Full PDB file with SEQRES, HELIX, SHEET, SSBOND, CRYST1, ORIGX, SCALE, CONECT and MASTER records, all heavy atoms in Angstrom:
SEQRES   1 A   31  LEU ARG GLU ILE ASP GLU LEU LEU ARG ARG ALA ASP GLY          
SEQRES   2 A   31  ALA GLU ALA ARG PHE TYR SER ALA ARG GLU LEU GLU LEU          
SEQRES   3 A   31  LEU ARG LEU LEU GLY                                          
HELIX    1 AA1 ARG A    2  ALA A   11  1                                  10    
HELIX    2 AA2 ALA A   21  LEU A   24  5                                   4    
HELIX    3 AA3 GLU A   25  LEU A   30  1                                   6    
CRYST1    1.000    1.000    1.000  90.00  90.00  90.00 P 1           1          
ORIGX1      1.000000  0.000000  0.000000        0.00000                         
ORIGX2      0.000000  1.000000  0.000000        0.00000                         
ORIGX3      0.000000  0.000000  1.000000        0.00000                         
SCALE1      1.000000  0.000000  0.000000        0.00000                         
SCALE2      0.000000  1.000000  0.000000        0.00000                         
SCALE3      0.000000  0.000000  1.000000        0.00000                         
ATOM      1  N   LEU A   1       2.897  -6.368   5.006  1.00  0.00           N  
ATOM      2  CA  LEU A   1       3.014  -4.950   5.280  1.00  0.00           C  
ATOM      3  C   LEU A   1       4.244  -4.367   4.581  1.00  0.00           C  
ATOM      4  O   LEU A   1       4.212  -3.224   4.112  1.00  0.00           O  
ATOM      5  CB  LEU A   1       3.096  -4.703   6.794  1.00  0.00           C  
ATOM      6  CG  LEU A   1       1.861  -5.064   7.611  1.00  0.00           C  
ATOM      7  CD1 LEU A   1       2.077  -4.651   9.070  1.00  0.00           C  
ATOM      8  CD2 LEU A   1       0.615  -4.412   7.083  1.00  0.00           C  
ATOM      9  N   ARG A   2       5.330  -5.144   4.537  1.00  0.00           N  
ATOM     10  CA  ARG A   2       6.511  -4.660   3.839  1.00  0.00           C  
ATOM     11  C   ARG A   2       6.211  -4.455   2.350  1.00  0.00           C  
ATOM     12  O   ARG A   2       6.602  -3.457   1.722  1.00  0.00           O  
ATOM     13  CB  ARG A   2       7.672  -5.636   4.031  1.00  0.00           C  
ATOM     14  CG  ARG A   2       8.939  -5.286   3.252  1.00  0.00           C  
ATOM     15  CD  ARG A   2      10.027  -6.332   3.473  1.00  0.00           C  
ATOM     16  NE  ARG A   2       9.541  -7.676   3.210  1.00  0.00           N  
ATOM     17  CZ  ARG A   2       9.369  -8.176   1.995  1.00  0.00           C  
ATOM     18  NH1 ARG A   2       9.650  -7.463   0.915  1.00  0.00           N  
ATOM     19  NH2 ARG A   2       8.938  -9.426   1.870  1.00  0.00           N  
ATOM     20  N   GLU A   3       5.511  -5.442   1.743  1.00  0.00           N  
ATOM     21  CA  GLU A   3       5.173  -5.320   0.322  1.00  0.00           C  
ATOM     22  C   GLU A   3       4.247  -4.141   0.059  1.00  0.00           C  
ATOM     23  O   GLU A   3       4.403  -3.385  -0.917  1.00  0.00           O  
ATOM     24  CB  GLU A   3       4.525  -6.612  -0.167  1.00  0.00           C  
ATOM     25  CG  GLU A   3       5.462  -7.806  -0.121  1.00  0.00           C  
ATOM     26  CD  GLU A   3       4.751  -9.109  -0.449  1.00  0.00           C  
ATOM     27  OE1 GLU A   3       3.545  -9.042  -0.798  1.00  0.00           O  
ATOM     28  OE2 GLU A   3       5.376 -10.164  -0.363  1.00  0.00           O  
ATOM     29  N   ILE A   4       3.272  -3.938   0.953  1.00  0.00           N  
ATOM     30  CA  ILE A   4       2.342  -2.813   0.796  1.00  0.00           C  
ATOM     31  C   ILE A   4       3.093  -1.502   0.945  1.00  0.00           C  
ATOM     32  O   ILE A   4       2.849  -0.533   0.210  1.00  0.00           O  
ATOM     33  CB  ILE A   4       1.204  -2.921   1.823  1.00  0.00           C  
ATOM     34  CG1 ILE A   4       0.299  -4.111   1.488  1.00  0.00           C  
ATOM     35  CG2 ILE A   4       0.396  -1.627   1.874  1.00  0.00           C  
ATOM     36  CD1 ILE A   4      -0.747  -4.394   2.506  1.00  0.00           C  
ATOM     37  N   ASP A   5       4.016  -1.448   1.879  1.00  0.00           N  
ATOM     38  CA  ASP A   5       4.824  -0.227   2.067  1.00  0.00           C  
ATOM     39  C   ASP A   5       5.617   0.100   0.801  1.00  0.00           C  
ATOM     40  O   ASP A   5       5.715   1.263   0.410  1.00  0.00           O  
ATOM     41  CB  ASP A   5       5.741  -0.395   3.248  1.00  0.00           C  
ATOM     42  CG  ASP A   5       6.640   0.813   3.476  1.00  0.00           C  
ATOM     43  OD1 ASP A   5       6.096   1.868   3.820  1.00  0.00           O  
ATOM     44  OD2 ASP A   5       7.865   0.684   3.297  1.00  0.00           O  
ATOM     45  N   GLU A   6       6.173  -0.910   0.151  1.00  0.00           N  
ATOM     46  CA  GLU A   6       6.896  -0.671  -1.081  1.00  0.00           C  
ATOM     47  C   GLU A   6       5.996  -0.101  -2.152  1.00  0.00           C  
ATOM     48  O   GLU A   6       6.382   0.825  -2.900  1.00  0.00           O  
ATOM     49  CB  GLU A   6       7.513  -1.987  -1.576  1.00  0.00           C  
ATOM     50  CG  GLU A   6       8.656  -2.491  -0.705  1.00  0.00           C  
ATOM     51  CD  GLU A   6       9.195  -3.843  -1.170  1.00  0.00           C  
ATOM     52  OE1 GLU A   6       8.616  -4.408  -2.137  1.00  0.00           O  
ATOM     53  OE2 GLU A   6      10.163  -4.347  -0.582  1.00  0.00           O  
ATOM     54  N   LEU A   7       4.752  -0.600  -2.239  1.00  0.00           N  
ATOM     55  CA  LEU A   7       3.793  -0.060  -3.196  1.00  0.00           C  
ATOM     56  C   LEU A   7       3.460   1.371  -2.883  1.00  0.00           C  
ATOM     57  O   LEU A   7       3.373   2.248  -3.792  1.00  0.00           O  
ATOM     58  CB  LEU A   7       2.499  -0.895  -3.205  1.00  0.00           C  
ATOM     59  CG  LEU A   7       2.623  -2.318  -3.775  1.00  0.00           C  
ATOM     60  CD1 LEU A   7       1.335  -3.064  -3.548  1.00  0.00           C  
ATOM     61  CD2 LEU A   7       2.974  -2.276  -5.261  1.00  0.00           C  
ATOM     62  N   LEU A   8       3.257   1.722  -1.612  1.00  0.00           N  
ATOM     63  CA  LEU A   8       2.902   3.071  -1.244  1.00  0.00           C  
ATOM     64  C   LEU A   8       4.065   4.049  -1.516  1.00  0.00           C  
ATOM     65  O   LEU A   8       3.853   5.186  -1.963  1.00  0.00           O  
ATOM     66  CB  LEU A   8       2.540   3.127   0.252  1.00  0.00           C  
ATOM     67  CG  LEU A   8       1.226   2.454   0.650  1.00  0.00           C  
ATOM     68  CD1 LEU A   8       1.028   2.461   2.152  1.00  0.00           C  
ATOM     69  CD2 LEU A   8       0.033   3.167  -0.021  1.00  0.00           C  
ATOM     70  N   ARG A   9       5.280   3.604  -1.260  1.00  0.00           N  
ATOM     71  CA  ARG A   9       6.422   4.466  -1.514  1.00  0.00           C  
ATOM     72  C   ARG A   9       6.624   4.686  -3.005  1.00  0.00           C  
ATOM     73  O   ARG A   9       7.036   5.760  -3.443  1.00  0.00           O  
ATOM     74  CB  ARG A   9       7.678   3.902  -0.869  1.00  0.00           C  
ATOM     75  CG  ARG A   9       7.694   4.134   0.653  1.00  0.00           C  
ATOM     76  CD  ARG A   9       8.998   3.836   1.321  1.00  0.00           C  
ATOM     77  NE  ARG A   9       9.216   2.393   1.468  1.00  0.00           N  
ATOM     78  CZ  ARG A   9      10.088   1.677   0.788  1.00  0.00           C  
ATOM     79  NH1 ARG A   9      10.856   2.247  -0.116  1.00  0.00           N  
ATOM     80  NH2 ARG A   9      10.216   0.377   1.009  1.00  0.00           N  
ATOM     81  N   ARG A  10       6.353   3.636  -3.803  1.00  0.00           N  
ATOM     82  CA  ARG A  10       6.489   3.786  -5.260  1.00  0.00           C  
ATOM     83  C   ARG A  10       5.379   4.719  -5.778  1.00  0.00           C  
ATOM     84  O   ARG A  10       5.564   5.408  -6.777  1.00  0.00           O  
ATOM     85  CB  ARG A  10       6.373   2.426  -5.956  1.00  0.00           C  
ATOM     86  CG  ARG A  10       7.641   1.603  -5.803  1.00  0.00           C  
ATOM     87  CD  ARG A  10       7.752   0.558  -6.905  1.00  0.00           C  
ATOM     88  NE  ARG A  10       6.631  -0.358  -6.933  1.00  0.00           N  
ATOM     89  CZ  ARG A  10       6.588  -1.516  -6.295  1.00  0.00           C  
ATOM     90  NH1 ARG A  10       7.641  -1.907  -5.564  1.00  0.00           N  
ATOM     91  NH2 ARG A  10       5.556  -2.320  -6.383  1.00  0.00           N  
ATOM     92  N   ALA A  11       4.237   4.726  -5.115  1.00  0.00           N  
ATOM     93  CA  ALA A  11       3.137   5.607  -5.536  1.00  0.00           C  
ATOM     94  C   ALA A  11       3.466   7.067  -5.293  1.00  0.00           C  
ATOM     95  O   ALA A  11       2.891   7.985  -5.902  1.00  0.00           O  
ATOM     96  CB  ALA A  11       1.853   5.237  -4.790  1.00  0.00           C  
ATOM     97  N   ASP A  12       4.445   7.361  -4.399  1.00  0.00           N  
ATOM     98  CA  ASP A  12       4.952   8.716  -4.169  1.00  0.00           C  
ATOM     99  C   ASP A  12       3.809   9.682  -3.848  1.00  0.00           C  
ATOM    100  O   ASP A  12       3.470  10.574  -4.625  1.00  0.00           O  
ATOM    101  CB  ASP A  12       5.746   9.189  -5.375  1.00  0.00           C  
ATOM    102  CG  ASP A  12       6.513  10.493  -5.066  1.00  0.00           C  
ATOM    103  OD1 ASP A  12       6.784  10.700  -3.851  1.00  0.00           O  
ATOM    104  OD2 ASP A  12       6.826  11.237  -5.976  1.00  0.00           O  
ATOM    105  N   GLY A  13       3.213   9.519  -2.726  1.00  0.00           N  
ATOM    106  CA  GLY A  13       2.138  10.436  -2.352  1.00  0.00           C  
ATOM    107  C   GLY A  13       1.129   9.786  -1.444  1.00  0.00           C  
ATOM    108  O   GLY A  13      -0.082  10.103  -1.532  1.00  0.00           O  
ATOM    109  N   ALA A  14       1.580   8.854  -0.602  1.00  0.00           N  
ATOM    110  CA  ALA A  14       0.647   8.199   0.312  1.00  0.00           C  
ATOM    111  C   ALA A  14       0.072   9.210   1.300  1.00  0.00           C  
ATOM    112  O   ALA A  14       0.769  10.058   1.819  1.00  0.00           O  
ATOM    113  CB  ALA A  14       1.379   7.093   1.073  1.00  0.00           C  
ATOM    114  N   GLU A  15      -1.213   9.106   1.536  1.00  0.00           N  
ATOM    115  CA  GLU A  15      -1.871  10.005   2.464  1.00  0.00           C  
ATOM    116  C   GLU A  15      -1.430   9.712   3.889  1.00  0.00           C  
ATOM    117  O   GLU A  15      -1.188   8.590   4.264  1.00  0.00           O  
ATOM    118  CB  GLU A  15      -3.396   9.784   2.342  1.00  0.00           C  
ATOM    119  CG  GLU A  15      -4.204  10.764   3.166  1.00  0.00           C  
ATOM    120  CD  GLU A  15      -5.707  10.533   3.025  1.00  0.00           C  
ATOM    121  OE1 GLU A  15      -6.080   9.701   2.164  1.00  0.00           O  
ATOM    122  OE2 GLU A  15      -6.486  11.140   3.789  1.00  0.00           O  
ATOM    123  N   ALA A  16      -1.340  10.803   4.664  1.00  0.00           N  
ATOM    124  CA  ALA A  16      -0.897  10.663   6.051  1.00  0.00           C  
ATOM    125  C   ALA A  16      -2.045  10.141   6.901  1.00  0.00           C  
ATOM    126  O   ALA A  16      -2.902  10.879   7.405  1.00  0.00           O  
ATOM    127  CB  ALA A  16      -0.430  12.011   6.587  1.00  0.00           C  
ATOM    128  N   ARG A  17      -2.087   8.790   7.096  1.00  0.00           N  
ATOM    129  CA  ARG A  17      -3.136   8.165   7.884  1.00  0.00           C  
ATOM    130  C   ARG A  17      -2.791   6.711   8.111  1.00  0.00           C  
ATOM    131  O   ARG A  17      -1.745   6.237   7.658  1.00  0.00           O  
ATOM    132  CB  ARG A  17      -4.472   8.241   7.144  1.00  0.00           C  
ATOM    133  CG  ARG A  17      -4.549   7.459   5.849  1.00  0.00           C  
ATOM    134  CD  ARG A  17      -5.928   7.633   5.216  1.00  0.00           C  
ATOM    135  NE  ARG A  17      -6.054   6.953   3.952  1.00  0.00           N  
ATOM    136  CZ  ARG A  17      -6.458   5.688   3.797  1.00  0.00           C  
ATOM    137  NH1 ARG A  17      -6.719   4.942   4.867  1.00  0.00           N  
ATOM    138  NH2 ARG A  17      -6.566   5.151   2.612  1.00  0.00           N  
ATOM    139  N   PHE A  18      -3.655   6.024   8.825  1.00  0.00           N  
ATOM    140  CA  PHE A  18      -3.553   4.575   9.005  1.00  0.00           C  
ATOM    141  C   PHE A  18      -4.203   3.895   7.787  1.00  0.00           C  
ATOM    142  O   PHE A  18      -5.335   4.188   7.410  1.00  0.00           O  
ATOM    143  CB  PHE A  18      -4.268   4.115  10.265  1.00  0.00           C  
ATOM    144  CG  PHE A  18      -3.386   4.004  11.472  1.00  0.00           C  
ATOM    145  CD1 PHE A  18      -3.399   4.973  12.461  1.00  0.00           C  
ATOM    146  CD2 PHE A  18      -2.513   2.930  11.609  1.00  0.00           C  
ATOM    147  CE1 PHE A  18      -2.593   4.858  13.585  1.00  0.00           C  
ATOM    148  CE2 PHE A  18      -1.698   2.820  12.704  1.00  0.00           C  
ATOM    149  CZ  PHE A  18      -1.740   3.797  13.703  1.00  0.00           C  
ATOM    150  N   TYR A  19      -3.445   2.953   7.166  1.00  0.00           N  
ATOM    151  CA  TYR A  19      -3.990   2.158   6.068  1.00  0.00           C  
ATOM    152  C   TYR A  19      -4.261   0.742   6.620  1.00  0.00           C  
ATOM    153  O   TYR A  19      -3.487   0.213   7.405  1.00  0.00           O  
ATOM    154  CB  TYR A  19      -3.012   2.037   4.916  1.00  0.00           C  
ATOM    155  CG  TYR A  19      -2.860   3.316   4.108  1.00  0.00           C  
ATOM    156  CD1 TYR A  19      -1.921   4.250   4.460  1.00  0.00           C  
ATOM    157  CD2 TYR A  19      -3.664   3.534   2.971  1.00  0.00           C  
ATOM    158  CE1 TYR A  19      -1.758   5.424   3.725  1.00  0.00           C  
ATOM    159  CE2 TYR A  19      -3.498   4.701   2.236  1.00  0.00           C  
ATOM    160  CZ  TYR A  19      -2.556   5.620   2.606  1.00  0.00           C  
ATOM    161  OH  TYR A  19      -2.392   6.779   1.861  1.00  0.00           O  
ATOM    162  N   SER A  20      -5.352   0.160   6.162  1.00  0.00           N  
ATOM    163  CA  SER A  20      -5.619  -1.251   6.460  1.00  0.00           C  
ATOM    164  C   SER A  20      -5.016  -2.106   5.366  1.00  0.00           C  
ATOM    165  O   SER A  20      -5.195  -1.805   4.176  1.00  0.00           O  
ATOM    166  CB  SER A  20      -7.114  -1.485   6.593  1.00  0.00           C  
ATOM    167  OG  SER A  20      -7.391  -2.864   6.594  1.00  0.00           O  
ATOM    168  N   ALA A  21      -4.330  -3.146   5.730  1.00  0.00           N  
ATOM    169  CA  ALA A  21      -3.756  -4.054   4.726  1.00  0.00           C  
ATOM    170  C   ALA A  21      -4.837  -4.628   3.819  1.00  0.00           C  
ATOM    171  O   ALA A  21      -4.586  -4.887   2.654  1.00  0.00           O  
ATOM    172  CB  ALA A  21      -2.980  -5.195   5.413  1.00  0.00           C  
ATOM    173  N   ARG A  22      -6.020  -4.788   4.344  1.00  0.00           N  
ATOM    174  CA  ARG A  22      -7.105  -5.364   3.550  1.00  0.00           C  
ATOM    175  C   ARG A  22      -7.489  -4.467   2.394  1.00  0.00           C  
ATOM    176  O   ARG A  22      -7.723  -4.951   1.289  1.00  0.00           O  
ATOM    177  CB  ARG A  22      -8.332  -5.613   4.437  1.00  0.00           C  
ATOM    178  CG  ARG A  22      -9.478  -6.318   3.717  1.00  0.00           C  
ATOM    179  CD  ARG A  22     -10.663  -6.449   4.614  1.00  0.00           C  
ATOM    180  NE  ARG A  22     -11.113  -5.143   5.103  1.00  0.00           N  
ATOM    181  CZ  ARG A  22     -11.863  -4.990   6.166  1.00  0.00           C  
ATOM    182  NH1 ARG A  22     -12.235  -6.015   6.875  1.00  0.00           N  
ATOM    183  NH2 ARG A  22     -12.246  -3.775   6.567  1.00  0.00           N  
ATOM    184  N   GLU A  23      -7.521  -3.125   2.631  1.00  0.00           N  
ATOM    185  CA  GLU A  23      -7.938  -2.247   1.568  1.00  0.00           C  
ATOM    186  C   GLU A  23      -6.878  -2.158   0.456  1.00  0.00           C  
ATOM    187  O   GLU A  23      -7.196  -1.716  -0.653  1.00  0.00           O  
ATOM    188  CB  GLU A  23      -8.216  -0.849   2.142  1.00  0.00           C  
ATOM    189  CG  GLU A  23      -6.992  -0.131   2.712  1.00  0.00           C  
ATOM    190  CD  GLU A  23      -7.336   1.232   3.276  1.00  0.00           C  
ATOM    191  OE1 GLU A  23      -7.835   2.087   2.511  1.00  0.00           O  
ATOM    192  OE2 GLU A  23      -7.116   1.455   4.480  1.00  0.00           O  
ATOM    193  N   LEU A  24      -5.661  -2.595   0.747  1.00  0.00           N  
ATOM    194  CA  LEU A  24      -4.605  -2.577  -0.261  1.00  0.00           C  
ATOM    195  C   LEU A  24      -4.205  -3.980  -0.700  1.00  0.00           C  
ATOM    196  O   LEU A  24      -3.271  -4.133  -1.492  1.00  0.00           O  
ATOM    197  CB  LEU A  24      -3.383  -1.857   0.297  1.00  0.00           C  
ATOM    198  CG  LEU A  24      -3.574  -0.386   0.690  1.00  0.00           C  
ATOM    199  CD1 LEU A  24      -2.369   0.145   1.418  1.00  0.00           C  
ATOM    200  CD2 LEU A  24      -3.865   0.458  -0.558  1.00  0.00           C  
ATOM    201  N   GLU A  25      -4.944  -4.992  -0.257  1.00  0.00           N  
ATOM    202  CA  GLU A  25      -4.586  -6.369  -0.546  1.00  0.00           C  
ATOM    203  C   GLU A  25      -4.660  -6.683  -2.032  1.00  0.00           C  
ATOM    204  O   GLU A  25      -3.792  -7.323  -2.606  1.00  0.00           O  
ATOM    205  CB  GLU A  25      -5.480  -7.331   0.246  1.00  0.00           C  
ATOM    206  CG  GLU A  25      -5.156  -8.800   0.055  1.00  0.00           C  
ATOM    207  CD  GLU A  25      -3.768  -9.184   0.563  1.00  0.00           C  
ATOM    208  OE1 GLU A  25      -3.170  -8.391   1.335  1.00  0.00           O  
ATOM    209  OE2 GLU A  25      -3.260 -10.234   0.176  1.00  0.00           O  
ATOM    210  N   LEU A  26      -5.720  -6.201  -2.655  1.00  0.00           N  
ATOM    211  CA  LEU A  26      -5.897  -6.473  -4.102  1.00  0.00           C  
ATOM    212  C   LEU A  26      -4.774  -5.856  -4.887  1.00  0.00           C  
ATOM    213  O   LEU A  26      -4.212  -6.481  -5.788  1.00  0.00           O  
ATOM    214  CB  LEU A  26      -7.249  -5.953  -4.582  1.00  0.00           C  
ATOM    215  CG  LEU A  26      -7.590  -6.181  -6.060  1.00  0.00           C  
ATOM    216  CD1 LEU A  26      -7.541  -7.684  -6.382  1.00  0.00           C  
ATOM    217  CD2 LEU A  26      -8.925  -5.589  -6.396  1.00  0.00           C  
ATOM    218  N   LEU A  27      -4.433  -4.600  -4.551  1.00  0.00           N  
ATOM    219  CA  LEU A  27      -3.339  -3.941  -5.236  1.00  0.00           C  
ATOM    220  C   LEU A  27      -2.034  -4.702  -5.027  1.00  0.00           C  
ATOM    221  O   LEU A  27      -1.209  -4.850  -5.942  1.00  0.00           O  
ATOM    222  CB  LEU A  27      -3.200  -2.509  -4.702  1.00  0.00           C  
ATOM    223  CG  LEU A  27      -2.072  -1.653  -5.295  1.00  0.00           C  
ATOM    224  CD1 LEU A  27      -2.270  -1.465  -6.787  1.00  0.00           C  
ATOM    225  CD2 LEU A  27      -2.011  -0.298  -4.602  1.00  0.00           C  
ATOM    226  N   ARG A  28      -1.846  -5.218  -3.835  1.00  0.00           N  
ATOM    227  CA  ARG A  28      -0.619  -5.990  -3.562  1.00  0.00           C  
ATOM    228  C   ARG A  28      -0.564  -7.254  -4.417  1.00  0.00           C  
ATOM    229  O   ARG A  28       0.486  -7.604  -4.971  1.00  0.00           O  
ATOM    230  CB  ARG A  28      -0.571  -6.346  -2.055  1.00  0.00           C  
ATOM    231  CG  ARG A  28       0.717  -7.055  -1.637  1.00  0.00           C  
ATOM    232  CD  ARG A  28       0.629  -7.506  -0.202  1.00  0.00           C  
ATOM    233  NE  ARG A  28      -0.241  -8.668  -0.049  1.00  0.00           N  
ATOM    234  CZ  ARG A  28       0.154  -9.931  -0.241  1.00  0.00           C  
ATOM    235  NH1 ARG A  28       1.383 -10.199  -0.604  1.00  0.00           N  
ATOM    236  NH2 ARG A  28      -0.697 -10.903  -0.059  1.00  0.00           N  
ATOM    237  N   LEU A  29      -1.691  -7.943  -4.494  1.00  0.00           N  
ATOM    238  CA  LEU A  29      -1.712  -9.189  -5.228  1.00  0.00           C  
ATOM    239  C   LEU A  29      -1.492  -8.964  -6.750  1.00  0.00           C  
ATOM    240  O   LEU A  29      -0.753  -9.681  -7.412  1.00  0.00           O  
ATOM    241  CB  LEU A  29      -3.036  -9.922  -5.023  1.00  0.00           C  
ATOM    242  CG  LEU A  29      -3.244 -10.497  -3.621  1.00  0.00           C  
ATOM    243  CD1 LEU A  29      -4.651 -11.055  -3.493  1.00  0.00           C  
ATOM    244  CD2 LEU A  29      -2.218 -11.581  -3.317  1.00  0.00           C  
ATOM    245  N   LEU A  30      -2.150  -7.920  -7.260  1.00  0.00           N  
ATOM    246  CA  LEU A  30      -2.025  -7.638  -8.690  1.00  0.00           C  
ATOM    247  C   LEU A  30      -0.607  -7.208  -9.068  1.00  0.00           C  
ATOM    248  O   LEU A  30      -0.115  -7.480 -10.167  1.00  0.00           O  
ATOM    249  CB  LEU A  30      -2.997  -6.545  -9.116  1.00  0.00           C  
ATOM    250  CG  LEU A  30      -4.484  -6.945  -9.050  1.00  0.00           C  
ATOM    251  CD1 LEU A  30      -5.371  -5.761  -9.383  1.00  0.00           C  
ATOM    252  CD2 LEU A  30      -4.754  -8.124  -9.993  1.00  0.00           C  
ATOM    253  N   GLY A  31       0.048  -6.528  -8.111  1.00  0.00           N  
ATOM    254  CA  GLY A  31       1.409  -6.053  -8.414  1.00  0.00           C  
ATOM    255  C   GLY A  31       2.489  -6.985  -7.939  1.00  0.00           C  
ATOM    256  O   GLY A  31       3.683  -6.660  -8.069  1.00  0.00           O  
TER     257      GLY A  31                                                      
MASTER        0    0    0    3    0    0    0    6  256    1    0    3          
END                                                                             
């Protein structure tokens, strides 16, 4: 979750909602 949060903050524009770690897992692994 900490790694995903870093990605979302770098994206500068995360939508105001609940994110599932699964939906961002691939992005986390690639980055």
